[in-house]
Amino acid sequence: FQPVAVVNYPQTENYTRITEYKHLTGQRNPKTSLTYEYPTDIGDPYYPVPRAENEALYKRYEALAAACPNVWFVGRLATYRYYNMDQVVGQA
């Protein structure tokens, strides 16, 4: 579909980027999975918002997560850090 994992479309389309996951994982398959990202101010934020109250809430969740040995939390919201997509895939 596209030659690289992520293509950004600043102000040219309704969506801001397309991610094609097989480029991130090294898969070779004629089929593919795509994500189109659309900007919105409705719903949960896609990125952690670094504020004191959010850090305190994260610490509470972190303590609860530590009690779940068979559950894996990964990605931006799991660690309350910003990561590039390749870093998130690497964590998984």
PDB file of N, CA and C in Angstrom:
ATOM      1  N   PHE A   1       0.825  -1.201   0.000  1.00  0.00           N
ATOM      2  CA  PHE A   1       0.000   0.000   0.000  1.00  0.00           C
ATOM      3  C   PHE A   1       0.860   1.253   0.000  1.00  0.00           C
ATOM      4  N   GLN A   2       1.852   1.270   0.905  1.00  0.00           N
ATOM      5  CA  GLN A   2       2.780   2.401   0.951  1.00  0.00           C
ATOM      6  C   GLN A   2       4.176   1.850   1.213  1.00  0.00           C
ATOM      7  N   PRO A   3       5.218   2.574   0.834  1.00  0.00           N
ATOM      8  CA  PRO A   3       6.570   2.022   0.905  1.00  0.00           C
ATOM      9  C   PRO A   3       7.189   1.989   2.303  1.00  0.00           C
ATOM     10  N   VAL A   4       6.597   2.700   3.255  1.00  0.00           N
ATOM     11  CA  VAL A   4       7.143   2.769   4.611  1.00  0.00           C
ATOM     12  C   VAL A   4       6.018   2.597   5.620  1.00  0.00           C
ATOM     13  N   ALA A   5       6.380   2.460   6.886  1.00  0.00           N
ATOM     14  CA  ALA A   5       5.389   2.191   7.929  1.00  0.00           C
ATOM     15  C   ALA A   5       4.420   3.350   8.150  1.00  0.00           C
ATOM     16  N   VAL A   6       4.926   4.567   8.195  1.00  0.00           N
ATOM     17  CA  VAL A   6       4.078   5.716   8.520  1.00  0.00           C
ATOM     18  C   VAL A   6       4.272   6.807   7.476  1.00  0.00           C
ATOM     19  N   VAL A   7       3.155   7.275   6.944  1.00  0.00           N
ATOM     20  CA  VAL A   7       3.173   8.412   6.027  1.00  0.00           C
ATOM     21  C   VAL A   7       2.270   9.480   6.627  1.00  0.00           C
ATOM     22  N   ASN A   8       2.815  10.673   6.806  1.00  0.00           N
ATOM     23  CA  ASN A   8       2.060  11.793   7.368  1.00  0.00           C
ATOM     24  C   ASN A   8       1.435  12.617   6.246  1.00  0.00           C
ATOM     25  N   TYR A   9       0.262  13.136   6.533  1.00  0.00           N
ATOM     26  CA  TYR A   9      -0.475  13.952   5.575  1.00  0.00           C
ATOM     27  C   TYR A   9      -0.856  15.274   6.232  1.00  0.00           C
ATOM     28  N   PRO A  10       0.104  16.150   6.457  1.00  0.00           N
ATOM     29  CA  PRO A  10      -0.218  17.417   7.118  1.00  0.00           C
ATOM     30  C   PRO A  10      -1.029  18.330   6.199  1.00  0.00           C
ATOM     31  N   GLN A  11      -2.254  18.543   6.578  1.00  0.00           N
ATOM     32  CA  GLN A  11      -3.147  19.496   5.914  1.00  0.00           C
ATOM     33  C   GLN A  11      -3.469  19.163   4.463  1.00  0.00           C
ATOM     34  N   THR A  12      -3.285  17.903   4.043  1.00  0.00           N
ATOM     35  CA  THR A  12      -3.645  17.559   2.671  1.00  0.00           C
ATOM     36  C   THR A  12      -4.846  16.623   2.607  1.00  0.00           C
ATOM     37  N   GLU A  13      -5.167  15.964   3.715  1.00  0.00           N
ATOM     38  CA  GLU A  13      -6.284  15.024   3.780  1.00  0.00           C
ATOM     39  C   GLU A  13      -7.042  15.262   5.080  1.00  0.00           C
ATOM     40  N   ASN A  14      -8.164  14.590   5.257  1.00  0.00           N
ATOM     41  CA  ASN A  14      -8.878  14.669   6.530  1.00  0.00           C
ATOM     42  C   ASN A  14      -8.128  13.930   7.634  1.00  0.00           C
ATOM     43  N   TYR A  15      -7.328  12.941   7.268  1.00  0.00           N
ATOM     44  CA  TYR A  15      -6.540  12.189   8.243  1.00  0.00           C
ATOM     45  C   TYR A  15      -5.135  12.768   8.313  1.00  0.00           C
ATOM     46  N   THR A  16      -4.463  12.516   9.434  1.00  0.00           N
ATOM     47  CA  THR A  16      -3.124  13.078   9.619  1.00  0.00           C
ATOM     48  C   THR A  16      -2.010  12.111   9.262  1.00  0.00           C
ATOM     49  N   ARG A  17      -2.305  10.805   9.316  1.00  0.00           N
ATOM     50  CA  ARG A  17      -1.282   9.832   8.932  1.00  0.00           C
ATOM     51  C   ARG A  17      -1.920   8.479   8.677  1.00  0.00           C
ATOM     52  N   ILE A  18      -1.176   7.667   7.923  1.00  0.00           N
ATOM     53  CA  ILE A  18      -1.543   6.268   7.701  1.00  0.00           C
ATOM     54  C   ILE A  18      -0.378   5.423   8.199  1.00  0.00           C
ATOM     55  N   THR A  19      -0.686   4.418   9.003  1.00  0.00           N
ATOM     56  CA  THR A  19       0.321   3.472   9.472  1.00  0.00           C
ATOM     57  C   THR A  19       0.034   2.118   8.848  1.00  0.00           C
ATOM     58  N   GLU A  20       1.052   1.527   8.250  1.00  0.00           N
ATOM     59  CA  GLU A  20       0.962   0.179   7.687  1.00  0.00           C
ATOM     60  C   GLU A  20       1.896  -0.710   8.505  1.00  0.00           C
ATOM     61  N   TYR A  21       1.301  -1.568   9.313  1.00  0.00           N
ATOM     62  CA  TYR A  21       2.028  -2.264  10.373  1.00  0.00           C
ATOM     63  C   TYR A  21       3.035  -3.295   9.889  1.00  0.00           C
ATOM     64  N   LYS A  22       2.822  -3.896   8.743  1.00  0.00           N
ATOM     65  CA  LYS A  22       3.767  -4.933   8.322  1.00  0.00           C
ATOM     66  C   LYS A  22       5.166  -4.367   8.096  1.00  0.00           C
ATOM     67  N   HIS A  23       5.271  -3.072   7.823  1.00  0.00           N
ATOM     68  CA  HIS A  23       6.595  -2.462   7.674  1.00  0.00           C
ATOM     69  C   HIS A  23       7.297  -2.328   9.027  1.00  0.00           C
ATOM     70  N   LEU A  24       6.530  -2.213  10.094  1.00  0.00           N
ATOM     71  CA  LEU A  24       7.117  -2.103  11.433  1.00  0.00           C
ATOM     72  C   LEU A  24       7.612  -3.450  11.943  1.00  0.00           C
ATOM     73  N   THR A  25       6.939  -4.504  11.555  1.00  0.00           N
ATOM     74  CA  THR A  25       7.254  -5.830  12.089  1.00  0.00           C
ATOM     75  C   THR A  25       8.093  -6.677  11.138  1.00  0.00           C
ATOM     76  N   GLY A  26       8.293  -6.201   9.918  1.00  0.00           N
ATOM     77  CA  GLY A  26       9.088  -6.951   8.949  1.00  0.00           C
ATOM     78  C   GLY A  26       8.323  -8.074   8.262  1.00  0.00           C
ATOM     79  N   GLN A  27       7.017  -8.084   8.392  1.00  0.00           N
ATOM     80  CA  GLN A  27       6.217  -9.125   7.749  1.00  0.00           C
ATOM     81  C   GLN A  27       6.243  -8.956   6.233  1.00  0.00           C
ATOM     82  N   ARG A  28       6.178 -10.074   5.548  1.00  0.00           N
ATOM     83  CA  ARG A  28       6.084 -10.060   4.086  1.00  0.00           C
ATOM     84  C   ARG A  28       4.810 -10.811   3.723  1.00  0.00           C
ATOM     85  N   ASN A  29       3.812 -10.054   3.336  1.00  0.00           N
ATOM     86  CA  ASN A  29       2.509 -10.632   3.048  1.00  0.00           C
ATOM     87  C   ASN A  29       1.815  -9.738   2.033  1.00  0.00           C
ATOM     88  N   PRO A  30       1.107 -10.320   1.076  1.00  0.00           N
ATOM     89  CA  PRO A  30       0.412  -9.477   0.100  1.00  0.00           C
ATOM     90  C   PRO A  30      -0.748  -8.691   0.720  1.00  0.00           C
ATOM     91  N   LYS A  31      -1.247  -9.151   1.859  1.00  0.00           N
ATOM     92  CA  LYS A  31      -2.307  -8.422   2.560  1.00  0.00           C
ATOM     93  C   LYS A  31      -1.671  -7.517   3.607  1.00  0.00           C
ATOM     94  N   THR A  32      -2.459  -6.582   4.126  1.00  0.00           N
ATOM     95  CA  THR A  32      -1.882  -5.618   5.055  1.00  0.00           C
ATOM     96  C   THR A  32      -2.927  -5.099   6.031  1.00  0.00           C
ATOM     97  N   SER A  33      -2.467  -4.423   7.060  1.00  0.00           N
ATOM     98  CA  SER A  33      -3.335  -3.752   8.031  1.00  0.00           C
ATOM     99  C   SER A  33      -2.952  -2.283   8.059  1.00  0.00           C
ATOM    100  N   LEU A  34      -3.953  -1.438   7.976  1.00  0.00           N
ATOM    101  CA  LEU A  34      -3.724   0.005   7.948  1.00  0.00           C
ATOM    102  C   LEU A  34      -4.492   0.684   9.066  1.00  0.00           C
ATOM    103  N   THR A  35      -3.937   1.772   9.550  1.00  0.00           N
ATOM    104  CA  THR A  35      -4.649   2.656  10.466  1.00  0.00           C
ATOM    105  C   THR A  35      -4.614   4.055   9.882  1.00  0.00           C
ATOM    106  N   TYR A  36      -5.776   4.655   9.785  1.00  0.00           N
ATOM    107  CA  TYR A  36      -5.891   6.055   9.393  1.00  0.00           C
ATOM    108  C   TYR A  36      -6.160   6.843  10.669  1.00  0.00           C
ATOM    109  N   GLU A  37      -5.352   7.839  10.940  1.00  0.00           N
ATOM    110  CA  GLU A  37      -5.524   8.642  12.150  1.00  0.00           C
ATOM    111  C   GLU A  37      -6.166   9.976  11.798  1.00  0.00           C
ATOM    112  N   TYR A  38      -7.268  10.245  12.488  1.00  0.00           N
ATOM    113  CA  TYR A  38      -8.012  11.486  12.291  1.00  0.00           C
ATOM    114  C   TYR A  38      -7.906  12.330  13.555  1.00  0.00           C
ATOM    115  N   PRO A  39      -7.605  13.606  13.428  1.00  0.00           N
ATOM    116  CA  PRO A  39      -7.513  14.448  14.620  1.00  0.00           C
ATOM    117  C   PRO A  39      -8.897  14.700  15.218  1.00  0.00           C
ATOM    118  N   THR A  40      -8.944  14.729  16.543  1.00  0.00           N
ATOM    119  CA  THR A  40     -10.192  15.025  17.241  1.00  0.00           C
ATOM    120  C   THR A  40      -9.881  15.516  18.646  1.00  0.00           C
ATOM    121  N   ASP A  41     -10.776  16.283  19.190  1.00  0.00           N
ATOM    122  CA  ASP A  41     -10.636  16.689  20.584  1.00  0.00           C
ATOM    123  C   ASP A  41     -11.689  15.999  21.448  1.00  0.00           C
ATOM    124  N   ILE A  42     -12.322  14.972  20.897  1.00  0.00           N
ATOM    125  CA  ILE A  42     -13.351  14.217  21.606  1.00  0.00           C
ATOM    126  C   ILE A  42     -12.760  12.885  22.059  1.00  0.00           C
ATOM    127  N   GLY A  43     -13.060  12.473  23.286  1.00  0.00           N
ATOM    128  CA  GLY A  43     -12.599  11.175  23.773  1.00  0.00           C
ATOM    129  C   GLY A  43     -11.287  11.267  24.523  1.00  0.00           C
ATOM    130  N   ASP A  44     -10.688  10.115  24.744  1.00  0.00           N
ATOM    131  CA  ASP A  44      -9.434  10.041  25.489  1.00  0.00           C
ATOM    132  C   ASP A  44      -8.273  10.525  24.634  1.00  0.00           C
ATOM    133  N   PRO A  45      -7.285  11.180  25.249  1.00  0.00           N
ATOM    134  CA  PRO A  45      -6.126  11.625  24.475  1.00  0.00           C
ATOM    135  C   PRO A  45      -5.282  10.434  24.029  1.00  0.00           C
ATOM    136  N   TYR A  46      -4.670  10.561  22.868  1.00  0.00           N
ATOM    137  CA  TYR A  46      -3.812   9.500  22.344  1.00  0.00           C
ATOM    138  C   TYR A  46      -2.446   9.488  23.011  1.00  0.00           C
ATOM    139  N   TYR A  47      -2.046  10.609  23.561  1.00  0.00           N
ATOM    140  CA  TYR A  47      -0.742  10.723  24.183  1.00  0.00           C
ATOM    141  C   TYR A  47      -0.912  11.098  25.647  1.00  0.00           C
ATOM    142  N   PRO A  48       0.006  10.684  26.492  1.00  0.00           N
ATOM    143  CA  PRO A  48      -0.064  11.105  27.891  1.00  0.00           C
ATOM    144  C   PRO A  48       0.060  12.623  27.998  1.00  0.00           C
ATOM    145  N   VAL A  49      -0.727  13.190  28.866  1.00  0.00           N
ATOM    146  CA  VAL A  49      -0.659  14.631  29.115  1.00  0.00           C
ATOM    147  C   VAL A  49       0.102  14.817  30.424  1.00  0.00           C
ATOM    148  N   PRO A  50       1.338  15.317  30.363  1.00  0.00           N
ATOM    149  CA  PRO A  50       2.170  15.396  31.569  1.00  0.00           C
ATOM    150  C   PRO A  50       1.730  16.512  32.523  1.00  0.00           C
ATOM    151  N   ARG A  51       0.898  16.138  33.476  1.00  0.00           N
ATOM    152  CA  ARG A  51       0.455  17.052  34.529  1.00  0.00           C
ATOM    153  C   ARG A  51       0.584  16.318  35.853  1.00  0.00           C
ATOM    154  N   ALA A  52       0.723  17.054  36.923  1.00  0.00           N
ATOM    155  CA  ALA A  52       0.926  16.448  38.248  1.00  0.00           C
ATOM    156  C   ALA A  52      -0.206  15.491  38.608  1.00  0.00           C
ATOM    157  N   GLU A  53      -1.439  15.878  38.356  1.00  0.00           N
ATOM    158  CA  GLU A  53      -2.564  15.005  38.716  1.00  0.00           C
ATOM    159  C   GLU A  53      -2.574  13.723  37.881  1.00  0.00           C
ATOM    160  N   ASN A  54      -2.128  13.808  36.634  1.00  0.00           N
ATOM    161  CA  ASN A  54      -2.053  12.606  35.805  1.00  0.00           C
ATOM    162  C   ASN A  54      -0.914  11.696  36.256  1.00  0.00           C
ATOM    163  N   GLU A  55       0.186  12.272  36.673  1.00  0.00           N
ATOM    164  CA  GLU A  55       1.302  11.474  37.186  1.00  0.00           C
ATOM    165  C   GLU A  55       0.889  10.737  38.459  1.00  0.00           C
ATOM    166  N   ALA A  56       0.147  11.406  39.331  1.00  0.00           N
ATOM    167  CA  ALA A  56      -0.343  10.760  40.557  1.00  0.00           C
ATOM    168  C   ALA A  56      -1.297   9.616  40.216  1.00  0.00           C
ATOM    169  N   LEU A  57      -2.169   9.840  39.256  1.00  0.00           N
ATOM    170  CA  LEU A  57      -3.088   8.786  38.834  1.00  0.00           C
ATOM    171  C   LEU A  57      -2.313   7.617  38.224  1.00  0.00           C
ATOM    172  N   TYR A  58      -1.307   7.932  37.417  1.00  0.00           N
ATOM    173  CA  TYR A  58      -0.481   6.882  36.829  1.00  0.00           C
ATOM    174  C   TYR A  58       0.180   6.033  37.916  1.00  0.00           C
ATOM    175  N   LYS A  59       0.685   6.655  38.952  1.00  0.00           N
ATOM    176  CA  LYS A  59       1.330   5.914  40.043  1.00  0.00           C
ATOM    177  C   LYS A  59       0.344   4.950  40.700  1.00  0.00           C
ATOM    178  N   ARG A  60      -0.901   5.361  40.831  1.00  0.00           N
ATOM    179  CA  ARG A  60      -1.924   4.462  41.393  1.00  0.00           C
ATOM    180  C   ARG A  60      -2.152   3.273  40.461  1.00  0.00           C
ATOM    181  N   TYR A  61      -2.271   3.552  39.166  1.00  0.00           N
ATOM    182  CA  TYR A  61      -2.449   2.467  38.193  1.00  0.00           C
ATOM    183  C   TYR A  61      -1.226   1.556  38.151  1.00  0.00           C
ATOM    184  N   GLU A  62      -0.049   2.136  38.267  1.00  0.00           N
ATOM    185  CA  GLU A  62       1.183   1.351  38.247  1.00  0.00           C
ATOM    186  C   GLU A  62       1.202   0.359  39.408  1.00  0.00           C
ATOM    187  N   ALA A  63       0.767   0.803  40.574  1.00  0.00           N
ATOM    188  CA  ALA A  63       0.711  -0.090  41.737  1.00  0.00           C
ATOM    189  C   ALA A  63      -0.300  -1.209  41.513  1.00  0.00           C
ATOM    190  N   LEU A  64      -1.439  -0.885  40.944  1.00  0.00           N
ATOM    191  CA  LEU A  64      -2.436  -1.920  40.646  1.00  0.00           C
ATOM    192  C   LEU A  64      -1.901  -2.907  39.605  1.00  0.00           C
ATOM    193  N   ALA A  65      -1.216  -2.395  38.607  1.00  0.00           N
ATOM    194  CA  ALA A  65      -0.678  -3.257  37.551  1.00  0.00           C
ATOM    195  C   ALA A  65       0.376  -4.210  38.092  1.00  0.00           C
ATOM    196  N   ALA A  66       1.143  -3.767  39.058  1.00  0.00           N
ATOM    197  CA  ALA A  66       2.181  -4.621  39.644  1.00  0.00           C
ATOM    198  C   ALA A  66       1.575  -5.857  40.303  1.00  0.00           C
ATOM    199  N   ALA A  67       0.317  -5.774  40.674  1.00  0.00           N
ATOM    200  CA  ALA A  67      -0.368  -6.907  41.304  1.00  0.00           C
ATOM    201  C   ALA A  67      -0.962  -7.870  40.277  1.00  0.00           C
ATOM    202  N   CYS A  68      -0.738  -7.623  39.010  1.00  0.00           N
ATOM    203  CA  CYS A  68      -1.286  -8.468  37.932  1.00  0.00           C
ATOM    204  C   CYS A  68      -0.136  -9.109  37.156  1.00  0.00           C
ATOM    205  N   PRO A  69       0.442 -10.189  37.666  1.00  0.00           N
ATOM    206  CA  PRO A  69       1.641 -10.748  37.031  1.00  0.00           C
ATOM    207  C   PRO A  69       1.399 -11.353  35.649  1.00  0.00           C
ATOM    208  N   ASN A  70       0.181 -11.696  35.310  1.00  0.00           N
ATOM    209  CA  ASN A  70      -0.091 -12.321  34.012  1.00  0.00           C
ATOM    210  C   ASN A  70      -0.663 -11.349  32.988  1.00  0.00           C
ATOM    211  N   VAL A  71      -0.550 -10.065  33.262  1.00  0.00           N
ATOM    212  CA  VAL A  71      -1.042  -9.039  32.348  1.00  0.00           C
ATOM    213  C   VAL A  71       0.128  -8.138  31.972  1.00  0.00           C
ATOM    214  N   TRP A  72       0.245  -7.865  30.681  1.00  0.00           N
ATOM    215  CA  TRP A  72       1.319  -7.002  30.195  1.00  0.00           C
ATOM    216  C   TRP A  72       0.733  -5.665  29.764  1.00  0.00           C
ATOM    217  N   PHE A  73       1.288  -4.610  30.272  1.00  0.00           N
ATOM    218  CA  PHE A  73       0.898  -3.266  29.880  1.00  0.00           C
ATOM    219  C   PHE A  73       2.033  -2.689  29.049  1.00  0.00           C
ATOM    220  N   VAL A  74       1.726  -2.223  27.839  1.00  0.00           N
ATOM    221  CA  VAL A  74       2.763  -1.705  26.950  1.00  0.00           C
ATOM    222  C   VAL A  74       2.289  -0.414  26.295  1.00  0.00           C
ATOM    223  N   GLY A  75       3.236   0.297  25.749  1.00  0.00           N
ATOM    224  CA  GLY A  75       2.900   1.477  24.969  1.00  0.00           C
ATOM    225  C   GLY A  75       2.904   2.762  25.767  1.00  0.00           C
ATOM    226  N   ARG A  76       2.446   3.790  25.111  1.00  0.00           N
ATOM    227  CA  ARG A  76       2.497   5.139  25.670  1.00  0.00           C
ATOM    228  C   ARG A  76       1.713   5.270  26.965  1.00  0.00           C
ATOM    229  N   LEU A  77       0.489   4.816  26.954  1.00  0.00           N
ATOM    230  CA  LEU A  77      -0.339   4.990  28.141  1.00  0.00           C
ATOM    231  C   LEU A  77       0.038   4.015  29.248  1.00  0.00           C
ATOM    232  N   ALA A  78       0.639   2.886  28.894  1.00  0.00           N
ATOM    233  CA  ALA A  78       1.041   1.915  29.913  1.00  0.00           C
ATOM    234  C   ALA A  78       2.227   2.406  30.731  1.00  0.00           C
ATOM    235  N   THR A  79       3.100   3.173  30.111  1.00  0.00           N
ATOM    236  CA  THR A  79       4.293   3.660  30.807  1.00  0.00           C
ATOM    237  C   THR A  79       4.250   5.160  31.068  1.00  0.00           C
ATOM    238  N   TYR A  80       3.202   5.798  30.613  1.00  0.00           N
ATOM    239  CA  TYR A  80       3.031   7.248  30.740  1.00  0.00           C
ATOM    240  C   TYR A  80       4.226   8.005  30.172  1.00  0.00           C
ATOM    241  N   ARG A  81       4.651   7.573  29.006  1.00  0.00           N
ATOM    242  CA  ARG A  81       5.748   8.221  28.290  1.00  0.00           C
ATOM    243  C   ARG A  81       5.367   8.317  26.821  1.00  0.00           C
ATOM    244  N   TYR A  82       5.925   9.284  26.141  1.00  0.00           N
ATOM    245  CA  TYR A  82       5.717   9.374  24.698  1.00  0.00           C
ATOM    246  C   TYR A  82       6.740   8.471  24.013  1.00  0.00           C
ATOM    247  N   TYR A  83       6.271   7.654  23.089  1.00  0.00           N
ATOM    248  CA  TYR A  83       7.146   6.805  22.288  1.00  0.00           C
ATOM    249  C   TYR A  83       6.769   6.946  20.825  1.00  0.00           C
ATOM    250  N   ASN A  84       7.745   6.813  19.959  1.00  0.00           N
ATOM    251  CA  ASN A  84       7.458   6.689  18.537  1.00  0.00           C
ATOM    252  C   ASN A  84       6.869   5.308  18.287  1.00  0.00           C
ATOM    253  N   MET A  85       6.172   5.155  17.183  1.00  0.00           N
ATOM    254  CA  MET A  85       5.483   3.899  16.900  1.00  0.00           C
ATOM    255  C   MET A  85       6.449   2.713  16.852  1.00  0.00           C
ATOM    256  N   ASP A  86       7.640   2.881  16.293  1.00  0.00           N
ATOM    257  CA  ASP A  86       8.580   1.767  16.233  1.00  0.00           C
ATOM    258  C   ASP A  86       9.007   1.327  17.630  1.00  0.00           C
ATOM    259  N   GLN A  87       9.089   2.263  18.561  1.00  0.00           N
ATOM    260  CA  GLN A  87       9.436   1.916  19.935  1.00  0.00           C
ATOM    261  C   GLN A  87       8.300   1.138  20.608  1.00  0.00           C
ATOM    262  N   VAL A  88       7.066   1.506  20.328  1.00  0.00           N
ATOM    263  CA  VAL A  88       5.917   0.801  20.903  1.00  0.00           C
ATOM    264  C   VAL A  88       5.852  -0.625  20.371  1.00  0.00           C
ATOM    265  N   VAL A  89       6.057  -0.788  19.070  1.00  0.00           N
ATOM    266  CA  VAL A  89       6.053  -2.130  18.489  1.00  0.00           C
ATOM    267  C   VAL A  89       7.188  -2.956  19.083  1.00  0.00           C
ATOM    268  N   GLY A  90       8.336  -2.336  19.293  1.00  0.00           N
ATOM    269  CA  GLY A  90       9.461  -3.033  19.907  1.00  0.00           C
ATOM    270  C   GLY A  90       9.160  -3.505  21.319  1.00  0.00           C
ATOM    271  N   GLN A  91       8.388  -2.730  22.060  1.00  0.00           N
ATOM    272  CA  GLN A  91       7.997  -3.139  23.412  1.00  0.00           C
ATOM    273  C   GLN A  91       7.083  -4.349  23.387  1.00  0.00           C
ATOM    274  N   ALA A  92       6.214  -4.396  22.387  1.00  0.00           N
ATOM    275  CA  ALA A  92       5.235  -5.484  22.318  1.00  0.00           C
ATOM    276  C   ALA A  92       5.946  -6.788  22.050  1.00  0.00           C
TER     277      ALA A  92
END
